[in-house]
Amino acid sequence: DGTVHSRDSVMGEKGLLIAFICNHCPYVIAIIDRLVAD
């Protein structure tokens, strides 16, 4: 939707997790709900 985020804007007080994912990969599809919960 055009909202820009930077590394610093998504950094948490205790750390940062960056996940490279996509919509069509069967490996991502298999783990996405677990990833969201984590």
PDB file of all heavy atoms in Angstrom:
ATOM      1  N   ASP A   1       0.813  -1.227   0.000  1.00  0.00           N
ATOM      2  CA  ASP A   1       0.000   0.000   0.000  1.00  0.00           C
ATOM      3  C   ASP A   1       0.844   1.273   0.000  1.00  0.00           C
ATOM      4  O   ASP A   1       0.305   2.374   0.016  1.00  0.00           O
ATOM      5  CB  ASP A   1      -1.002   0.009   1.160  1.00  0.00           C
ATOM      6  CG  ASP A   1      -0.355   0.210   2.526  1.00  0.00           C
ATOM      7  OD1 ASP A   1       0.878   0.426   2.616  1.00  0.00           O
ATOM      8  OD2 ASP A   1      -1.087   0.150   3.533  1.00  0.00           O
ATOM      9  N   GLY A   2       2.183   1.138   0.020  1.00  0.00           N
ATOM     10  CA  GLY A   2       3.061   2.292  -0.089  1.00  0.00           C
ATOM     11  C   GLY A   2       3.649   2.809   1.207  1.00  0.00           C
ATOM     12  O   GLY A   2       4.450   3.748   1.197  1.00  0.00           O
ATOM     13  N   THR A   3       3.306   2.230   2.343  1.00  0.00           N
ATOM     14  CA  THR A   3       3.884   2.647   3.618  1.00  0.00           C
ATOM     15  C   THR A   3       5.327   2.164   3.690  1.00  0.00           C
ATOM     16  O   THR A   3       5.589   0.966   3.571  1.00  0.00           O
ATOM     17  CB  THR A   3       3.088   2.061   4.806  1.00  0.00           C
ATOM     18  OG1 THR A   3       1.719   2.439   4.661  1.00  0.00           O
ATOM     19  CG2 THR A   3       3.630   2.552   6.132  1.00  0.00           C
ATOM     20  N   VAL A   4       6.263   3.097   3.869  1.00  0.00           N
ATOM     21  CA  VAL A   4       7.690   2.760   3.852  1.00  0.00           C
ATOM     22  C   VAL A   4       8.176   2.452   5.269  1.00  0.00           C
ATOM     23  O   VAL A   4       7.847   3.170   6.224  1.00  0.00           O
ATOM     24  CB  VAL A   4       8.512   3.906   3.230  1.00  0.00           C
ATOM     25  CG1 VAL A   4      10.008   3.609   3.312  1.00  0.00           C
ATOM     26  CG2 VAL A   4       8.095   4.118   1.777  1.00  0.00           C
ATOM     27  N   HIS A   5       8.937   1.383   5.380  1.00  0.00           N
ATOM     28  CA  HIS A   5       9.551   0.975   6.640  1.00  0.00           C
ATOM     29  C   HIS A   5      11.058   0.855   6.428  1.00  0.00           C
ATOM     30  O   HIS A   5      11.519   0.453   5.356  1.00  0.00           O
ATOM     31  CB  HIS A   5       9.008  -0.376   7.109  1.00  0.00           C
ATOM     32  CG  HIS A   5       7.555  -0.355   7.436  1.00  0.00           C
ATOM     33  ND1 HIS A   5       7.084  -0.053   8.690  1.00  0.00           N
ATOM     34  CD2 HIS A   5       6.464  -0.579   6.670  1.00  0.00           C
ATOM     35  CE1 HIS A   5       5.771  -0.106   8.687  1.00  0.00           C
ATOM     36  NE2 HIS A   5       5.367  -0.424   7.470  1.00  0.00           N
ATOM     37  N   SER A   6      11.806   1.164   7.488  1.00  0.00           N
ATOM     38  CA  SER A   6      13.264   1.023   7.454  1.00  0.00           C
ATOM     39  C   SER A   6      13.687  -0.015   8.489  1.00  0.00           C
ATOM     40  O   SER A   6      12.881  -0.439   9.329  1.00  0.00           O
ATOM     41  CB  SER A   6      13.928   2.360   7.793  1.00  0.00           C
ATOM     42  OG  SER A   6      13.678   2.701   9.153  1.00  0.00           O
ATOM     43  N   ARG A   7      14.951  -0.363   8.447  1.00  0.00           N
ATOM     44  CA  ARG A   7      15.487  -1.290   9.456  1.00  0.00           C
ATOM     45  C   ARG A   7      15.236  -0.740  10.853  1.00  0.00           C
ATOM     46  O   ARG A   7      14.762  -1.451  11.736  1.00  0.00           O
ATOM     47  CB  ARG A   7      16.985  -1.484   9.220  1.00  0.00           C
ATOM     48  CG  ARG A   7      17.669  -2.321  10.289  1.00  0.00           C
ATOM     49  CD  ARG A   7      19.163  -2.116  10.344  1.00  0.00           C
ATOM     50  NE  ARG A   7      19.450  -0.714  10.643  1.00  0.00           N
ATOM     51  CZ  ARG A   7      20.553  -0.087  10.290  1.00  0.00           C
ATOM     52  NH1 ARG A   7      21.487  -0.710   9.612  1.00  0.00           N
ATOM     53  NH2 ARG A   7      20.741   1.180  10.603  1.00  0.00           N
ATOM     54  N   ASP A   8      15.516   0.549  11.046  1.00  0.00           N
ATOM     55  CA  ASP A   8      15.376   1.133  12.379  1.00  0.00           C
ATOM     56  C   ASP A   8      13.914   1.243  12.816  1.00  0.00           C
ATOM     57  O   ASP A   8      13.621   1.139  14.003  1.00  0.00           O
ATOM     58  CB  ASP A   8      16.057   2.495  12.433  1.00  0.00           C
ATOM     59  CG  ASP A   8      17.578   2.377  12.280  1.00  0.00           C
ATOM     60  OD1 ASP A   8      18.122   1.263  12.444  1.00  0.00           O
ATOM     61  OD2 ASP A   8      18.214   3.406  11.990  1.00  0.00           O
ATOM     62  N   SER A   9      12.998   1.434  11.875  1.00  0.00           N
ATOM     63  CA  SER A   9      11.589   1.570  12.261  1.00  0.00           C
ATOM     64  C   SER A   9      10.965   0.237  12.667  1.00  0.00           C
ATOM     65  O   SER A   9       9.976   0.226  13.388  1.00  0.00           O
ATOM     66  CB  SER A   9      10.773   2.216  11.139  1.00  0.00           C
ATOM     67  OG  SER A   9      10.559   1.323  10.060  1.00  0.00           O
ATOM     68  N   VAL A  10      11.549  -0.870  12.231  1.00  0.00           N
ATOM     69  CA  VAL A  10      11.018  -2.182  12.620  1.00  0.00           C
ATOM     70  C   VAL A  10      11.845  -2.850  13.722  1.00  0.00           C
ATOM     71  O   VAL A  10      11.436  -3.874  14.264  1.00  0.00           O
ATOM     72  CB  VAL A  10      10.862  -3.141  11.403  1.00  0.00           C
ATOM     73  CG1 VAL A  10       9.829  -2.600  10.435  1.00  0.00           C
ATOM     74  CG2 VAL A  10      12.174  -3.412  10.713  1.00  0.00           C
ATOM     75  N   MET A  11      12.983  -2.242  14.076  1.00  0.00           N
ATOM     76  CA  MET A  11      13.839  -2.779  15.139  1.00  0.00           C
ATOM     77  C   MET A  11      13.088  -2.748  16.468  1.00  0.00           C
ATOM     78  O   MET A  11      12.447  -1.753  16.794  1.00  0.00           O
ATOM     79  CB  MET A  11      15.122  -1.953  15.246  1.00  0.00           C
ATOM     80  CG  MET A  11      16.025  -2.325  16.406  1.00  0.00           C
ATOM     81  SD  MET A  11      16.855  -3.918  16.270  1.00  0.00           S
ATOM     82  CE  MET A  11      18.223  -3.501  15.220  1.00  0.00           C
ATOM     83  N   GLY A  12      13.174  -3.826  17.201  1.00  0.00           N
ATOM     84  CA  GLY A  12      12.590  -3.875  18.532  1.00  0.00           C
ATOM     85  C   GLY A  12      13.612  -3.473  19.579  1.00  0.00           C
ATOM     86  O   GLY A  12      14.812  -3.387  19.302  1.00  0.00           O
ATOM     87  N   GLU A  13      13.159  -3.281  20.783  1.00  0.00           N
ATOM     88  CA  GLU A  13      14.039  -2.899  21.886  1.00  0.00           C
ATOM     89  C   GLU A  13      15.112  -3.958  22.145  1.00  0.00           C
ATOM     90  O   GLU A  13      16.234  -3.652  22.524  1.00  0.00           O
ATOM     91  CB  GLU A  13      13.187  -2.711  23.141  1.00  0.00           C
ATOM     92  CG  GLU A  13      13.953  -2.381  24.383  1.00  0.00           C
ATOM     93  CD  GLU A  13      13.051  -2.311  25.610  1.00  0.00           C
ATOM     94  OE1 GLU A  13      11.872  -1.938  25.474  1.00  0.00           O
ATOM     95  OE2 GLU A  13      13.538  -2.651  26.704  1.00  0.00           O
ATOM     96  N   LYS A  14      14.766  -5.245  21.888  1.00  0.00           N
ATOM     97  CA  LYS A  14      15.690  -6.348  22.187  1.00  0.00           C
ATOM     98  C   LYS A  14      16.266  -7.023  20.947  1.00  0.00           C
ATOM     99  O   LYS A  14      17.030  -7.971  21.063  1.00  0.00           O
ATOM    100  CB  LYS A  14      14.963  -7.396  23.020  1.00  0.00           C
ATOM    101  CG  LYS A  14      14.384  -6.889  24.312  1.00  0.00           C
ATOM    102  CD  LYS A  14      15.387  -6.975  25.418  1.00  0.00           C
ATOM    103  CE  LYS A  14      14.827  -6.458  26.719  1.00  0.00           C
ATOM    104  NZ  LYS A  14      14.446  -7.478  27.667  1.00  0.00           N
ATOM    105  N   GLY A  15      15.849  -6.580  19.749  1.00  0.00           N
ATOM    106  CA  GLY A  15      16.404  -7.204  18.552  1.00  0.00           C
ATOM    107  C   GLY A  15      15.477  -7.096  17.360  1.00  0.00           C
ATOM    108  O   GLY A  15      14.433  -6.434  17.409  1.00  0.00           O
ATOM    109  N   LEU A  16      15.876  -7.763  16.290  1.00  0.00           N
ATOM    110  CA  LEU A  16      15.174  -7.666  15.016  1.00  0.00           C
ATOM    111  C   LEU A  16      15.255  -8.991  14.272  1.00  0.00           C
ATOM    112  O   LEU A  16      16.312  -9.616  14.213  1.00  0.00           O
ATOM    113  CB  LEU A  16      15.822  -6.572  14.157  1.00  0.00           C
ATOM    114  CG  LEU A  16      15.351  -6.423  12.713  1.00  0.00           C
ATOM    115  CD1 LEU A  16      13.893  -5.974  12.655  1.00  0.00           C
ATOM    116  CD2 LEU A  16      16.240  -5.434  11.970  1.00  0.00           C
ATOM    117  N   LEU A  17      14.129  -9.373  13.695  1.00  0.00           N
ATOM    118  CA  LEU A  17      14.084 -10.547  12.829  1.00  0.00           C
ATOM    119  C   LEU A  17      13.632 -10.095  11.434  1.00  0.00           C
ATOM    120  O   LEU A  17      12.586  -9.464  11.300  1.00  0.00           O
ATOM    121  CB  LEU A  17      13.115 -11.596  13.359  1.00  0.00           C
ATOM    122  CG  LEU A  17      12.982 -12.830  12.464  1.00  0.00           C
ATOM    123  CD1 LEU A  17      14.274 -13.631  12.466  1.00  0.00           C
ATOM    124  CD2 LEU A  17      11.829 -13.688  12.896  1.00  0.00           C
ATOM    125  N   ILE A  18      14.425 -10.416  10.437  1.00  0.00           N
ATOM    126  CA  ILE A  18      14.074 -10.170   9.040  1.00  0.00           C
ATOM    127  C   ILE A  18      13.862 -11.530   8.395  1.00  0.00           C
ATOM    128  O   ILE A  18      14.731 -12.403   8.469  1.00  0.00           O
ATOM    129  CB  ILE A  18      15.189  -9.399   8.291  1.00  0.00           C
ATOM    130  CG1 ILE A  18      15.440  -8.032   8.932  1.00  0.00           C
ATOM    131  CG2 ILE A  18      14.860  -9.279   6.810  1.00  0.00           C
ATOM    132  CD1 ILE A  18      14.272  -7.061   8.816  1.00  0.00           C
ATOM    133  N   ALA A  19      12.695 -11.700   7.760  1.00  0.00           N
ATOM    134  CA  ALA A  19      12.356 -12.968   7.103  1.00  0.00           C
ATOM    135  C   ALA A  19      12.106 -12.710   5.628  1.00  0.00           C
ATOM    136  O   ALA A  19      11.209 -11.941   5.273  1.00  0.00           O
ATOM    137  CB  ALA A  19      11.119 -13.583   7.743  1.00  0.00           C
ATOM    138  N   PHE A  20      12.901 -13.301   4.776  1.00  0.00           N
ATOM    139  CA  PHE A  20      12.659 -13.244   3.339  1.00  0.00           C
ATOM    140  C   PHE A  20      11.709 -14.381   3.003  1.00  0.00           C
ATOM    141  O   PHE A  20      12.042 -15.558   3.196  1.00  0.00           O
ATOM    142  CB  PHE A  20      13.970 -13.357   2.553  1.00  0.00           C
ATOM    143  CG  PHE A  20      14.808 -12.113   2.656  1.00  0.00           C
ATOM    144  CD1 PHE A  20      15.699 -11.935   3.703  1.00  0.00           C
ATOM    145  CD2 PHE A  20      14.682 -11.104   1.715  1.00  0.00           C
ATOM    146  CE1 PHE A  20      16.447 -10.782   3.824  1.00  0.00           C
ATOM    147  CE2 PHE A  20      15.421  -9.941   1.814  1.00  0.00           C
ATOM    148  CZ  PHE A  20      16.313  -9.775   2.872  1.00  0.00           C
ATOM    149  N   ILE A  21      10.516 -14.014   2.559  1.00  0.00           N
ATOM    150  CA  ILE A  21       9.487 -14.999   2.224  1.00  0.00           C
ATOM    151  C   ILE A  21       8.858 -14.609   0.889  1.00  0.00           C
ATOM    152  O   ILE A  21       9.191 -13.574   0.314  1.00  0.00           O
ATOM    153  CB  ILE A  21       8.397 -15.108   3.315  1.00  0.00           C
ATOM    154  CG1 ILE A  21       7.589 -13.812   3.436  1.00  0.00           C
ATOM    155  CG2 ILE A  21       9.010 -15.508   4.662  1.00  0.00           C
ATOM    156  CD1 ILE A  21       6.360 -13.925   4.327  1.00  0.00           C
ATOM    157  N   CYS A  22       7.968 -15.423   0.407  1.00  0.00           N
ATOM    158  CA  CYS A  22       7.161 -15.099  -0.766  1.00  0.00           C
ATOM    159  C   CYS A  22       5.831 -15.833  -0.619  1.00  0.00           C
ATOM    160  O   CYS A  22       5.623 -16.555   0.345  1.00  0.00           O
ATOM    161  CB  CYS A  22       7.873 -15.470  -2.062  1.00  0.00           C
ATOM    162  SG  CYS A  22       8.025 -17.243  -2.324  1.00  0.00           S
ATOM    163  N   ASN A  23       4.955 -15.640  -1.578  1.00  0.00           N
ATOM    164  CA  ASN A  23       3.609 -16.200  -1.474  1.00  0.00           C
ATOM    165  C   ASN A  23       3.484 -17.601  -2.056  1.00  0.00           C
ATOM    166  O   ASN A  23       2.607 -18.356  -1.639  1.00  0.00           O
ATOM    167  CB  ASN A  23       2.603 -15.312  -2.210  1.00  0.00           C
ATOM    168  CG  ASN A  23       2.698 -13.875  -1.812  1.00  0.00           C
ATOM    169  OD1 ASN A  23       3.036 -13.545  -0.685  1.00  0.00           O
ATOM    170  ND2 ASN A  23       2.418 -12.987  -2.747  1.00  0.00           N
ATOM    171  N   HIS A  24       4.314 -17.934  -3.042  1.00  0.00           N
ATOM    172  CA  HIS A  24       4.073 -19.166  -3.793  1.00  0.00           C
ATOM    173  C   HIS A  24       4.946 -20.348  -3.370  1.00  0.00           C
ATOM    174  O   HIS A  24       4.647 -21.483  -3.712  1.00  0.00           O
ATOM    175  CB  HIS A  24       4.254 -18.915  -5.308  1.00  0.00           C
ATOM    176  CG  HIS A  24       5.657 -19.061  -5.785  1.00  0.00           C
ATOM    177  ND1 HIS A  24       6.584 -18.040  -5.706  1.00  0.00           N
ATOM    178  CD2 HIS A  24       6.300 -20.117  -6.328  1.00  0.00           C
ATOM    179  CE1 HIS A  24       7.740 -18.463  -6.192  1.00  0.00           C
ATOM    180  NE2 HIS A  24       7.595 -19.729  -6.582  1.00  0.00           N
ATOM    181  N   CYS A  25       5.999 -20.119  -2.621  1.00  0.00           N
ATOM    182  CA  CYS A  25       6.944 -21.182  -2.268  1.00  0.00           C
ATOM    183  C   CYS A  25       6.284 -22.208  -1.346  1.00  0.00           C
ATOM    184  O   CYS A  25       5.741 -21.853  -0.301  1.00  0.00           O
ATOM    185  CB  CYS A  25       8.160 -20.576  -1.583  1.00  0.00           C
ATOM    186  SG  CYS A  25       9.284 -21.801  -0.873  1.00  0.00           S
ATOM    187  N   PRO A  26       6.330 -23.489  -1.695  1.00  0.00           N
ATOM    188  CA  PRO A  26       5.714 -24.510  -0.834  1.00  0.00           C
ATOM    189  C   PRO A  26       6.343 -24.576   0.558  1.00  0.00           C
ATOM    190  O   PRO A  26       5.666 -24.935   1.518  1.00  0.00           O
ATOM    191  CB  PRO A  26       5.903 -25.816  -1.600  1.00  0.00           C
ATOM    192  CG  PRO A  26       6.845 -25.537  -2.701  1.00  0.00           C
ATOM    193  CD  PRO A  26       6.891 -24.060  -2.922  1.00  0.00           C
ATOM    194  N   TYR A  27       7.618 -24.215   0.681  1.00  0.00           N
ATOM    195  CA  TYR A  27       8.264 -24.220   1.992  1.00  0.00           C
ATOM    196  C   TYR A  27       7.702 -23.103   2.871  1.00  0.00           C
ATOM    197  O   TYR A  27       7.464 -23.300   4.058  1.00  0.00           O
ATOM    198  CB  TYR A  27       9.786 -24.086   1.851  1.00  0.00           C
ATOM    199  CG  TYR A  27      10.390 -25.293   1.187  1.00  0.00           C
ATOM    200  CD1 TYR A  27      10.540 -25.350  -0.191  1.00  0.00           C
ATOM    201  CD2 TYR A  27      10.782 -26.392   1.943  1.00  0.00           C
ATOM    202  CE1 TYR A  27      11.060 -26.473  -0.814  1.00  0.00           C
ATOM    203  CE2 TYR A  27      11.311 -27.525   1.333  1.00  0.00           C
ATOM    204  CZ  TYR A  27      11.449 -27.555  -0.044  1.00  0.00           C
ATOM    205  OH  TYR A  27      11.957 -28.664  -0.649  1.00  0.00           O
ATOM    206  N   VAL A  28       7.478 -21.927   2.283  1.00  0.00           N
ATOM    207  CA  VAL A  28       6.880 -20.824   3.026  1.00  0.00           C
ATOM    208  C   VAL A  28       5.436 -21.160   3.384  1.00  0.00           C
ATOM    209  O   VAL A  28       5.007 -20.974   4.527  1.00  0.00           O
ATOM    210  CB  VAL A  28       6.947 -19.497   2.229  1.00  0.00           C
ATOM    211  CG1 VAL A  28       6.156 -18.400   2.936  1.00  0.00           C
ATOM    212  CG2 VAL A  28       8.393 -19.074   2.011  1.00  0.00           C
ATOM    213  N   ILE A  29       4.691 -21.672   2.422  1.00  0.00           N
ATOM    214  CA  ILE A  29       3.286 -22.020   2.669  1.00  0.00           C
ATOM    215  C   ILE A  29       3.182 -23.031   3.816  1.00  0.00           C
ATOM    216  O   ILE A  29       2.289 -22.934   4.663  1.00  0.00           O
ATOM    217  CB  ILE A  29       2.620 -22.541   1.384  1.00  0.00           C
ATOM    218  CG1 ILE A  29       2.500 -21.390   0.373  1.00  0.00           C
ATOM    219  CG2 ILE A  29       1.262 -23.156   1.672  1.00  0.00           C
ATOM    220  CD1 ILE A  29       2.169 -21.823  -1.042  1.00  0.00           C
ATOM    221  N   ALA A  30       4.131 -23.963   3.890  1.00  0.00           N
ATOM    222  CA  ALA A  30       4.102 -24.989   4.940  1.00  0.00           C
ATOM    223  C   ALA A  30       4.350 -24.413   6.327  1.00  0.00           C
ATOM    224  O   ALA A  30       3.836 -24.937   7.312  1.00  0.00           O
ATOM    225  CB  ALA A  30       5.123 -26.082   4.636  1.00  0.00           C
ATOM    226  N   ILE A  31       5.120 -23.315   6.415  1.00  0.00           N
ATOM    227  CA  ILE A  31       5.508 -22.809   7.735  1.00  0.00           C
ATOM    228  C   ILE A  31       4.856 -21.478   8.116  1.00  0.00           C
ATOM    229  O   ILE A  31       5.024 -21.020   9.249  1.00  0.00           O
ATOM    230  CB  ILE A  31       7.049 -22.675   7.851  1.00  0.00           C
ATOM    231  CG1 ILE A  31       7.630 -21.711   6.817  1.00  0.00           C
ATOM    232  CG2 ILE A  31       7.720 -24.032   7.709  1.00  0.00           C
ATOM    233  CD1 ILE A  31       7.966 -20.354   7.345  1.00  0.00           C
ATOM    234  N   ILE A  32       4.132 -20.846   7.208  1.00  0.00           N
ATOM    235  CA  ILE A  32       3.696 -19.461   7.445  1.00  0.00           C
ATOM    236  C   ILE A  32       2.862 -19.300   8.711  1.00  0.00           C
ATOM    237  O   ILE A  32       3.058 -18.333   9.465  1.00  0.00           O
ATOM    238  CB  ILE A  32       2.980 -18.863   6.204  1.00  0.00           C
ATOM    239  CG1 ILE A  32       2.749 -17.347   6.393  1.00  0.00           C
ATOM    240  CG2 ILE A  32       1.688 -19.580   5.897  1.00  0.00           C
ATOM    241  CD1 ILE A  32       3.988 -16.510   6.503  1.00  0.00           C
ATOM    242  N   ASP A  33       1.960 -20.186   8.993  1.00  0.00           N
ATOM    243  CA  ASP A  33       1.129 -20.017  10.190  1.00  0.00           C
ATOM    244  C   ASP A  33       1.964 -20.161  11.464  1.00  0.00           C
ATOM    245  O   ASP A  33       1.745 -19.438  12.443  1.00  0.00           O
ATOM    246  CB  ASP A  33      -0.054 -20.981  10.164  1.00  0.00           C
ATOM    247  CG  ASP A  33      -1.009 -20.661   9.022  1.00  0.00           C
ATOM    248  OD1 ASP A  33      -1.170 -19.469   8.673  1.00  0.00           O
ATOM    249  OD2 ASP A  33      -1.595 -21.605   8.451  1.00  0.00           O
ATOM    250  N   ARG A  34       2.955 -21.051  11.457  1.00  0.00           N
ATOM    251  CA  ARG A  34       3.863 -21.179  12.597  1.00  0.00           C
ATOM    252  C   ARG A  34       4.732 -19.929  12.721  1.00  0.00           C
ATOM    253  O   ARG A  34       4.982 -19.443  13.829  1.00  0.00           O
ATOM    254  CB  ARG A  34       4.749 -22.416  12.446  1.00  0.00           C
ATOM    255  CG  ARG A  34       3.990 -23.704  12.655  1.00  0.00           C
ATOM    256  CD  ARG A  34       4.879 -24.910  12.422  1.00  0.00           C
ATOM    257  NE  ARG A  34       4.818 -25.238  11.002  1.00  0.00           N
ATOM    258  CZ  ARG A  34       5.721 -25.930  10.327  1.00  0.00           C
ATOM    259  NH1 ARG A  34       6.801 -26.366  10.923  1.00  0.00           N
ATOM    260  NH2 ARG A  34       5.553 -26.189   9.056  1.00  0.00           N
ATOM    261  N   LEU A  35       5.188 -19.410  11.581  1.00  0.00           N
ATOM    262  CA  LEU A  35       6.001 -18.195  11.600  1.00  0.00           C
ATOM    263  C   LEU A  35       5.208 -17.034  12.188  1.00  0.00           C
ATOM    264  O   LEU A  35       5.711 -16.294  13.038  1.00  0.00           O
ATOM    265  CB  LEU A  35       6.487 -17.847  10.191  1.00  0.00           C
ATOM    266  CG  LEU A  35       7.224 -16.509  10.052  1.00  0.00           C
ATOM    267  CD1 LEU A  35       8.478 -16.457  10.915  1.00  0.00           C
ATOM    268  CD2 LEU A  35       7.565 -16.244   8.583  1.00  0.00           C
ATOM    269  N   VAL A  36       3.968 -16.856  11.751  1.00  0.00           N
ATOM    270  CA  VAL A  36       3.128 -15.771  12.268  1.00  0.00           C
ATOM    271  C   VAL A  36       2.982 -15.889  13.787  1.00  0.00           C
ATOM    272  O   VAL A  36       3.130 -14.899  14.514  1.00  0.00           O
ATOM    273  CB  VAL A  36       1.751 -15.756  11.557  1.00  0.00           C
ATOM    274  CG1 VAL A  36       0.770 -14.844  12.274  1.00  0.00           C
ATOM    275  CG2 VAL A  36       1.921 -15.335  10.098  1.00  0.00           C
ATOM    276  N   ALA A  37       2.720 -17.077  14.287  1.00  0.00           N
ATOM    277  CA  ALA A  37       2.578 -17.283  15.729  1.00  0.00           C
ATOM    278  C   ALA A  37       3.890 -16.975  16.458  1.00  0.00           C
ATOM    279  O   ALA A  37       3.885 -16.326  17.516  1.00  0.00           O
ATOM    280  CB  ALA A  37       2.123 -18.717  16.021  1.00  0.00           C
ATOM    281  N   ASP A  38       5.004 -17.414  15.899  1.00  0.00           N
ATOM    282  CA  ASP A  38       6.304 -17.158  16.526  1.00  0.00           C
ATOM    283  C   ASP A  38       6.637 -15.667  16.507  1.00  0.00           C
ATOM    284  O   ASP A  38       7.210 -15.142  17.471  1.00  0.00           O
ATOM    285  CB  ASP A  38       7.405 -17.976  15.847  1.00  0.00           C
ATOM    286  CG  ASP A  38       7.325 -19.460  16.183  1.00  0.00           C
ATOM    287  OD1 ASP A  38       6.505 -19.857  17.041  1.00  0.00           O
ATOM    288  OD2 ASP A  38       8.091 -20.230  15.562  1.00  0.00           O
TER     289      ASP A  38
END
